[in-house]
Amino acid sequence: MPRLALYSMAVCVLALAAAVVSFVQGSWLGIVWVLLAGLSSNMAWYYVKLGRGAYQNR
């Protein structure tokens, strides 16, 4: 798995944890964290697919 995909997944997991903490504390700021988790999840998926394609072309 490409390194950027791993970084994106780490950001996704941390953003989800931050969203849970924000919602538990009663803050609506968790919505921003959910959006960031969605963005980083899409980035991770993109880099995984990009990495698979790069290895198939060799």
Protein backbone atom coordinates (compact mmCIF):
# COMPACT_ATOMS: atom_id res chain seq x y z
CA MET A 1 0.00 0.00 0.00
CA PRO A 2 1.41 3.43 -0.91
CA ARG A 3 2.63 5.63 1.90
CA LEU A 4 0.20 8.45 1.08
CA ALA A 5 -2.69 6.01 1.37
CA LEU A 6 -1.55 5.04 4.85
CA TYR A 7 -1.25 8.68 5.88
CA SER A 8 -4.72 9.40 4.53
CA MET A 9 -6.18 6.46 6.43
CA ALA A 10 -4.51 7.65 9.63
CA VAL A 11 -6.03 11.11 9.14
CA CYS A 12 -9.41 9.48 8.50
CA VAL A 13 -9.28 7.45 11.72
CA LEU A 14 -8.13 10.44 13.77
CA ALA A 15 -10.84 12.66 12.26
CA LEU A 16 -13.51 10.09 13.10
CA ALA A 17 -12.23 9.90 16.67
CA ALA A 18 -12.30 13.70 16.91
CA ALA A 19 -15.85 13.74 15.53
CA VAL A 20 -17.01 11.24 18.14
CA VAL A 21 -15.39 13.26 20.93
CA SER A 22 -16.94 16.49 19.62
CA PHE A 23 -20.42 15.01 19.40
CA VAL A 24 -20.14 13.44 22.86
CA GLN A 25 -19.20 16.83 24.28
CA GLY A 26 -22.24 18.34 22.58
CA SER A 27 -20.34 20.37 20.00
CA TRP A 28 -21.55 20.70 16.43
CA LEU A 29 -17.93 21.08 15.33
CA GLY A 30 -18.01 17.32 14.82
CA ILE A 31 -19.64 17.91 11.44
CA VAL A 32 -16.38 19.45 10.21
CA TRP A 33 -14.48 16.40 11.44
CA VAL A 34 -16.88 14.07 9.63
CA LEU A 35 -16.36 16.01 6.40
CA LEU A 36 -12.59 15.82 6.87
CA ALA A 37 -12.87 12.07 7.46
CA GLY A 38 -14.83 11.70 4.23
CA LEU A 39 -12.27 13.69 2.28
CA SER A 40 -9.32 11.74 3.66
CA SER A 41 -11.14 8.45 3.05
CA ASN A 42 -11.59 9.36 -0.60
CA MET A 43 -7.93 10.35 -0.83
CA ALA A 44 -6.87 7.02 0.66
CA TRP A 45 -9.06 5.12 -1.79
CA TYR A 46 -7.59 7.11 -4.67
CA TYR A 47 -4.00 6.44 -3.62
CA VAL A 48 -4.68 2.73 -3.11
CA LYS A 49 -6.13 2.46 -6.60
CA LEU A 50 -3.29 4.53 -8.02
CA GLY A 51 -0.75 2.26 -6.34
CA ARG A 52 -2.39 -0.88 -7.66
CA GLY A 53 -2.37 0.50 -11.18
CA ALA A 54 1.27 1.50 -10.92
CA TYR A 55 2.28 -2.03 -9.92
CA GLN A 56 0.25 -3.64 -12.71
CA ASN A 57 1.98 -1.58 -15.39
CA ARG A 58 5.44 -2.92 -14.52
